[in-house]
Protein backbone atom coordinates (compact mmCIF):
# COMPACT_ATOMS: atom_id res chain seq x y z
CA MET A 1 62.58 111.47 -72.45
CA GLU A 2 59.69 113.59 -71.64
CA LEU A 3 58.69 115.78 -68.98
CA THR A 4 56.48 114.02 -66.29
CA GLU A 5 53.45 115.82 -64.87
CA ALA A 6 55.49 116.33 -61.31
CA GLN A 7 57.82 118.22 -63.45
CA TYR A 8 55.77 120.23 -65.02
CA ARG A 9 53.85 121.22 -62.02
CA LEU A 10 57.47 122.65 -61.10
CA ILE A 11 58.00 125.40 -64.11
CA GLU A 12 54.34 125.92 -64.56
CA ASP A 13 54.21 129.23 -63.64
CA CYS A 14 56.74 130.38 -65.50
CA LEU A 15 54.70 130.11 -68.70
CA PRO A 16 51.47 131.02 -70.25
CA ARG A 17 48.33 130.17 -69.01
CA GLN A 18 46.11 128.73 -71.85
CA ARG A 19 43.45 130.60 -73.22
CA ARG A 20 40.43 129.35 -75.35
CA ASN A 21 39.80 125.90 -76.49
CA VAL A 22 43.13 124.59 -77.55
CA SER A 23 43.67 120.72 -78.69
CA LEU A 24 47.20 120.63 -76.92
CA THR A 25 48.52 121.55 -73.53
CA ASN A 26 51.56 123.06 -72.50
CA LEU A 27 52.99 119.83 -71.11
CA GLN A 28 52.27 118.53 -74.98
CA VAL A 29 54.09 121.69 -76.15
CA LEU A 30 57.21 120.83 -74.13
CA ASN A 31 57.25 117.09 -74.42
CA ALA A 32 57.25 117.70 -78.82
CA ILE A 33 59.85 120.78 -78.15
CA LEU A 34 62.23 118.06 -76.34
CA TYR A 35 61.03 115.56 -78.63
CA LEU A 36 62.77 117.12 -81.49
CA SER A 37 65.47 118.83 -79.80
CA LEU A 38 66.47 115.78 -79.18
CA ILE A 39 66.22 114.53 -82.65
CA HIS A 40 68.72 117.01 -83.90
CA ILE A 41 70.88 116.35 -81.11
CA SER A 42 71.41 112.77 -82.19
CA GLU A 43 71.01 113.22 -86.24
CA PRO A 44 71.76 116.68 -86.67
CA THR A 45 71.96 116.27 -90.54
CA ARG A 46 67.74 114.58 -90.94
CA PRO A 47 65.56 116.83 -92.63
CA TYR A 48 62.39 118.49 -91.02
């Protein structure tokens, strides 16, 4: 599961603005968090 650009546009005003030179976009960070949370739900005993 991954957030699309359109879905991100609906919530982007709720997030802090990016500042300075960053390597990841807010969308990429949210997708990474979503990915890790889904792994934890499906495999709660998996060590990270």
